[in-house]
Amino acid sequence: MRAAVITGGGSGIGADIARSFHDAGYRVVLASRTDSGLAAKLGERARYIACDVRSVSSIHAMTDAAAEWAGRLDVFVNNAGYSEWRALDEIDESLWDNMIATNLKGALFGCQAAARHMSDGGVILNLSSLASKRGSANNSVYCASKFGMNGITQALAKELGPRGIRVNGVCPVLVSTKGLRDALALRGAPGEAGVEAFLASFTSGQTALNRLPTGSEVGAACLFLASDAASAITGQSVNVDCGVLPQ
């Protein structure tokens, strides 16, 4: 039975990704700082393992435990991360250090830890963002972390490809999770004057399909990229954006 690890898998998009792999018959490890209870709800093919992706030792300990529990590691999804908008003059070292450690350092060392347990056919998926391909106001630190994630994806696809390990990225646009809504409402964020109004305006003005993607659609994209149907796809960062940024 194939096994997948999803960092940040207990809530938001991560939970939708975890459900997608679980529904497809995988053993699933949900790795995060706190236990949301989702693994227990999913049942015996799911397990929660504590992990803080800002800590390299925590990532490696979690990955070792996951591989021991499942007996193998086929798919590793670097999903843990967060967003926060802040104007240039208000950026401090604390924001930079925490976001880069969570979004970028966590992804790189997640790849390192996962690759040590993978053989031919292994798949690493990096949950990036449309913000990895175009900048936006008050979003420079987040964009830096996600542009960097796409660079990691491209470089490791070349490095790990000879071992039969594929590395791809998934780049959603705004997915309406609690975490996103909370971030959008903060001062300096594009939704500070009203989250619903901002999302409605963005949807009507920027999407081709006149809607935003759902977490389950992001999960479906991940499941496809992990499947044999995508066996020739590596080094790509695929948009899941309802046509916001046609490429």
Protein backbone atom coordinates (compact mmCIF):
# COMPACT_ATOMS: atom_id res chain seq x y z
CA MET A 1 0.00 0.00 0.00
CA ARG A 2 1.43 3.36 -1.04
CA ALA A 3 2.14 5.97 1.62
CA ALA A 4 2.02 9.75 1.57
CA VAL A 5 3.13 12.42 4.04
CA ILE A 6 1.46 15.83 4.02
CA THR A 7 3.02 18.57 6.12
CA GLY A 8 0.44 20.96 7.50
CA GLY A 9 -2.01 18.18 6.74
CA GLY A 10 -4.45 18.72 9.56
CA SER A 11 -6.26 21.80 8.30
CA GLY A 12 -6.93 24.01 5.30
CA ILE A 13 -5.64 22.88 1.91
CA GLY A 14 -3.45 20.30 3.63
CA ALA A 15 -6.50 18.54 5.04
CA ASP A 16 -8.09 18.41 1.58
CA ILE A 17 -4.89 16.94 0.15
CA ALA A 18 -4.77 14.38 2.95
CA ARG A 19 -8.37 13.35 2.29
CA SER A 20 -7.66 13.00 -1.43
CA PHE A 21 -4.77 10.59 -0.87
CA HIS A 22 -6.65 8.71 1.83
CA ASP A 23 -9.68 8.30 -0.42
CA ALA A 24 -7.36 6.93 -3.10
CA GLY A 25 -6.22 4.14 -0.78
CA TYR A 26 -2.95 5.55 0.54
CA ARG A 27 -1.64 5.33 4.06
CA VAL A 28 -1.47 8.98 5.03
CA VAL A 29 0.66 10.81 7.60
CA LEU A 30 -0.56 14.24 8.69
CA ALA A 31 2.41 16.19 10.03
CA SER A 32 1.94 19.48 11.87
CA ARG A 33 2.69 21.24 15.13
CA THR A 34 -0.73 20.46 16.60
CA ASP A 35 -3.13 17.57 16.12
CA SER A 36 -6.41 18.68 14.54
CA GLY A 37 -7.96 15.25 15.09
CA LEU A 38 -8.33 14.60 11.36
CA ALA A 39 -6.09 11.53 11.36
CA ALA A 40 -8.22 9.88 14.03
CA LYS A 41 -11.36 10.64 12.01
CA LEU A 42 -9.86 9.13 8.85
CA GLY A 43 -9.07 5.88 10.63
CA GLU A 44 -6.37 3.26 10.78
CA ARG A 45 -4.74 4.19 7.46
CA ALA A 46 -4.00 7.68 8.79
CA ARG A 47 -1.65 8.86 11.50
CA TYR A 48 -0.73 12.19 13.04
CA ILE A 49 2.96 12.83 13.71
CA ALA A 50 4.08 16.05 15.37
CA CYS A 51 6.43 18.19 13.29
CA ASP A 52 7.62 21.79 13.19
CA VAL A 53 8.98 22.33 9.68
CA ARG A 54 11.11 25.23 10.89
CA SER A 55 13.31 22.62 12.62
CA VAL A 56 15.44 20.34 10.47
CA SER A 57 15.70 17.73 13.22
CA SER A 58 11.91 17.74 13.61
CA ILE A 59 11.41 17.17 9.88
CA HIS A 60 13.83 14.25 9.80
CA ALA A 61 12.40 12.67 12.96
CA MET A 62 8.87 12.92 11.55
CA THR A 63 9.87 11.47 8.18
CA ASP A 64 11.73 8.59 9.83
CA ALA A 65 8.69 7.83 11.99
CA ALA A 66 6.35 8.03 9.00
CA ALA A 67 8.45 5.61 6.95
CA GLU A 68 8.70 3.22 9.88
CA TRP A 69 4.93 3.26 10.45
CA ALA A 70 3.96 2.88 6.79
CA GLY A 71 6.87 0.66 5.81
CA ARG A 72 7.67 2.93 2.85
CA LEU A 73 7.40 6.50 1.60
CA ASP A 74 6.05 7.12 -1.89
CA VAL A 75 4.77 10.71 -1.83
CA PHE A 76 5.84 13.70 0.24
CA VAL A 77 3.80 16.90 0.06
CA ASN A 78 5.47 20.06 1.34
CA ASN A 79 2.29 21.90 2.22
CA ALA A 80 3.05 23.58 5.56
CA GLY A 81 3.23 27.33 5.20
CA TYR A 82 1.44 30.58 5.82
CA SER A 83 0.84 33.94 4.18
CA GLU A 84 0.94 37.45 5.53
CA TRP A 85 0.81 40.72 3.65
CA ARG A 86 2.92 43.58 4.95
CA ALA A 87 4.12 46.85 3.39
CA LEU A 88 7.86 47.19 2.78
CA ASP A 89 8.36 49.77 5.55
CA GLU A 90 6.68 47.44 8.04
CA ILE A 91 8.66 44.28 7.27
CA ASP A 92 10.94 43.24 10.12
CA GLU A 93 13.41 40.42 10.63
CA SER A 94 10.90 38.42 12.64
CA LEU A 95 8.45 38.23 9.72
CA TRP A 96 11.24 37.43 7.27
CA ASP A 97 12.83 34.77 9.45
CA ASN A 98 9.58 33.01 10.32
CA MET A 99 8.13 33.00 6.81
CA ILE A 100 11.34 31.90 5.11
CA ALA A 101 11.89 29.22 7.76
CA THR A 102 8.34 27.91 7.40
CA ASN A 103 7.69 28.25 3.68
CA LEU A 104 11.15 27.80 2.15
CA LYS A 105 13.55 26.19 4.62
CA GLY A 106 10.84 23.74 5.62
CA ALA A 107 10.28 22.77 1.99
CA LEU A 108 13.96 22.25 1.18
CA PHE A 109 14.66 20.10 4.21
CA GLY A 110 11.38 18.28 3.71
CA CYS A 111 12.68 17.29 0.28
CA GLN A 112 15.98 16.22 1.82
CA ALA A 113 14.34 14.08 4.49
CA ALA A 114 11.85 12.53 2.08
CA ALA A 115 14.38 11.70 -0.61
CA ARG A 116 16.40 9.62 1.86
CA HIS A 117 13.45 7.24 2.15
CA MET A 118 12.42 7.18 -1.52
CA SER A 119 13.30 4.82 -4.31
CA ASP A 120 12.45 4.76 -8.00
CA GLY A 121 8.87 6.03 -8.39
CA GLY A 122 8.95 8.43 -5.45
CA VAL A 123 7.19 11.78 -5.80
CA ILE A 124 7.77 15.09 -4.02
CA LEU A 125 5.14 17.81 -4.36
CA ASN A 126 5.78 21.38 -3.27
CA LEU A 127 2.68 23.43 -2.51
CA SER A 128 3.60 26.78 -3.93
CA SER A 129 1.28 29.59 -5.01
CA LEU A 130 0.40 31.80 -7.93
CA ALA A 131 2.43 34.34 -5.92
CA SER A 132 5.47 32.31 -6.99
CA LYS A 133 5.03 33.59 -10.53
CA ARG A 134 3.90 37.19 -10.18
CA GLY A 135 4.46 39.76 -7.47
CA SER A 136 1.78 41.76 -5.70
CA ALA A 137 1.81 44.79 -3.42
CA ASN A 138 2.58 44.27 0.27
CA ASN A 139 3.47 40.65 -0.45
CA SER A 140 7.21 40.68 -1.06
CA VAL A 141 8.27 38.25 1.68
CA TYR A 142 5.65 35.66 0.79
CA CYS A 143 6.48 36.02 -2.92
CA ALA A 144 10.18 35.56 -2.14
CA SER A 145 9.46 32.34 -0.26
CA LYS A 146 7.30 30.93 -3.04
CA PHE A 147 9.55 32.02 -5.94
CA GLY A 148 12.29 30.19 -4.03
CA MET A 149 10.13 27.09 -3.69
CA ASN A 150 9.73 26.95 -7.47
CA GLY A 151 13.51 27.15 -7.79
CA ILE A 152 13.90 24.22 -5.41
CA THR A 153 11.36 22.28 -7.47
CA GLN A 154 13.25 22.83 -10.71
CA ALA A 155 16.69 22.13 -9.24
CA LEU A 156 15.69 18.96 -7.39
CA ALA A 157 13.81 17.61 -10.41
CA LYS A 158 17.19 17.58 -12.19
CA GLU A 159 19.08 16.26 -9.16
CA LEU A 160 16.69 13.51 -8.13
CA GLY A 161 15.46 12.54 -11.58
CA PRO A 162 18.29 10.04 -12.18
CA ARG A 163 17.05 8.19 -9.08
CA GLY A 164 13.54 7.98 -10.53
CA ILE A 165 12.14 10.58 -8.11
CA ARG A 166 9.88 13.21 -9.63
CA VAL A 167 9.55 16.70 -8.11
CA ASN A 168 6.71 19.04 -9.04
CA GLY A 169 5.01 22.10 -7.66
CA VAL A 170 1.35 23.01 -7.36
CA CYS A 171 0.46 26.68 -7.51
CA PRO A 172 -3.06 27.50 -6.32
CA VAL A 173 -4.56 30.95 -6.45
CA LEU A 174 -6.68 32.07 -3.49
CA VAL A 175 -8.41 29.10 -1.87
CA SER A 176 -10.99 30.14 0.70
CA THR A 177 -9.67 28.57 3.89
CA LYS A 178 -9.88 29.99 7.40
CA GLY A 179 -6.16 30.71 7.34
CA LEU A 180 -6.42 32.69 4.11
CA ARG A 181 -9.45 34.64 5.27
CA ASP A 182 -7.75 35.55 8.53
CA ALA A 183 -4.64 36.70 6.65
CA LEU A 184 -6.68 38.71 4.14
CA ALA A 185 -8.38 40.63 6.95
CA LEU A 186 -5.14 41.92 8.50
CA ARG A 187 -3.91 45.48 8.03
CA GLY A 188 -2.03 45.82 4.76
CA ALA A 189 -3.72 42.80 3.19
CA PRO A 190 -5.89 43.23 0.09
CA GLY A 191 -9.03 42.22 1.99
CA GLU A 192 -8.62 44.47 5.01
CA ALA A 193 -11.61 46.59 3.97
CA GLY A 194 -13.76 43.48 3.54
CA VAL A 195 -12.70 39.92 2.77
CA GLU A 196 -15.89 38.90 0.94
CA ALA A 197 -15.86 42.03 -1.21
CA PHE A 198 -12.23 41.48 -2.14
CA LEU A 199 -12.76 37.81 -3.04
CA ALA A 200 -15.81 38.67 -5.13
CA SER A 201 -13.93 41.42 -6.97
CA PHE A 202 -10.91 39.20 -7.56
CA THR A 203 -13.09 36.37 -8.84
CA SER A 204 -15.04 38.50 -11.30
CA GLY A 205 -12.06 40.52 -12.47
CA GLN A 206 -9.26 37.96 -12.72
CA THR A 207 -10.52 34.39 -13.13
CA ALA A 208 -11.46 32.87 -16.48
CA LEU A 209 -14.00 30.49 -14.93
CA ASN A 210 -15.62 33.12 -12.71
CA ARG A 211 -14.83 31.12 -9.59
CA LEU A 212 -11.93 30.22 -7.34
CA PRO A 213 -10.50 26.71 -6.96
CA THR A 214 -11.42 24.56 -3.98
CA GLY A 215 -9.11 22.67 -1.67
CA SER A 216 -10.42 19.39 -3.03
CA GLU A 217 -9.41 20.48 -6.54
CA VAL A 218 -5.90 21.18 -5.27
CA GLY A 219 -5.94 17.72 -3.71
CA ALA A 220 -7.01 16.19 -7.01
CA ALA A 221 -4.14 17.94 -8.81
CA CYS A 222 -1.70 16.55 -6.26
CA LEU A 223 -3.12 13.07 -6.63
CA PHE A 224 -2.76 13.26 -10.41
CA LEU A 225 0.85 14.48 -10.22
CA ALA A 226 1.65 11.61 -7.84
CA SER A 227 0.10 9.03 -10.16
CA ASP A 228 1.59 6.96 -12.97
CA ALA A 229 -0.50 9.05 -15.37
CA ALA A 230 1.94 11.90 -14.69
CA SER A 231 5.07 9.73 -14.98
CA ALA A 232 6.65 12.03 -17.60
CA ILE A 233 6.01 15.24 -15.63
CA THR A 234 8.76 16.63 -13.40
CA GLY A 235 10.24 20.03 -12.64
CA GLN A 236 6.92 21.76 -13.30
CA SER A 237 4.97 24.19 -11.13
CA VAL A 238 1.38 23.71 -12.23
CA ASN A 239 -1.21 26.44 -11.73
CA VAL A 240 -4.53 25.54 -10.12
CA ASP A 241 -6.07 28.95 -10.59
CA CYS A 242 -9.28 28.83 -12.66
CA GLY A 243 -7.47 30.72 -15.41
CA VAL A 244 -6.08 33.70 -13.47
CA LEU A 245 -2.64 33.31 -15.05
CA PRO A 246 -2.83 31.41 -18.36
CA GLN A 247 0.57 30.04 -19.35
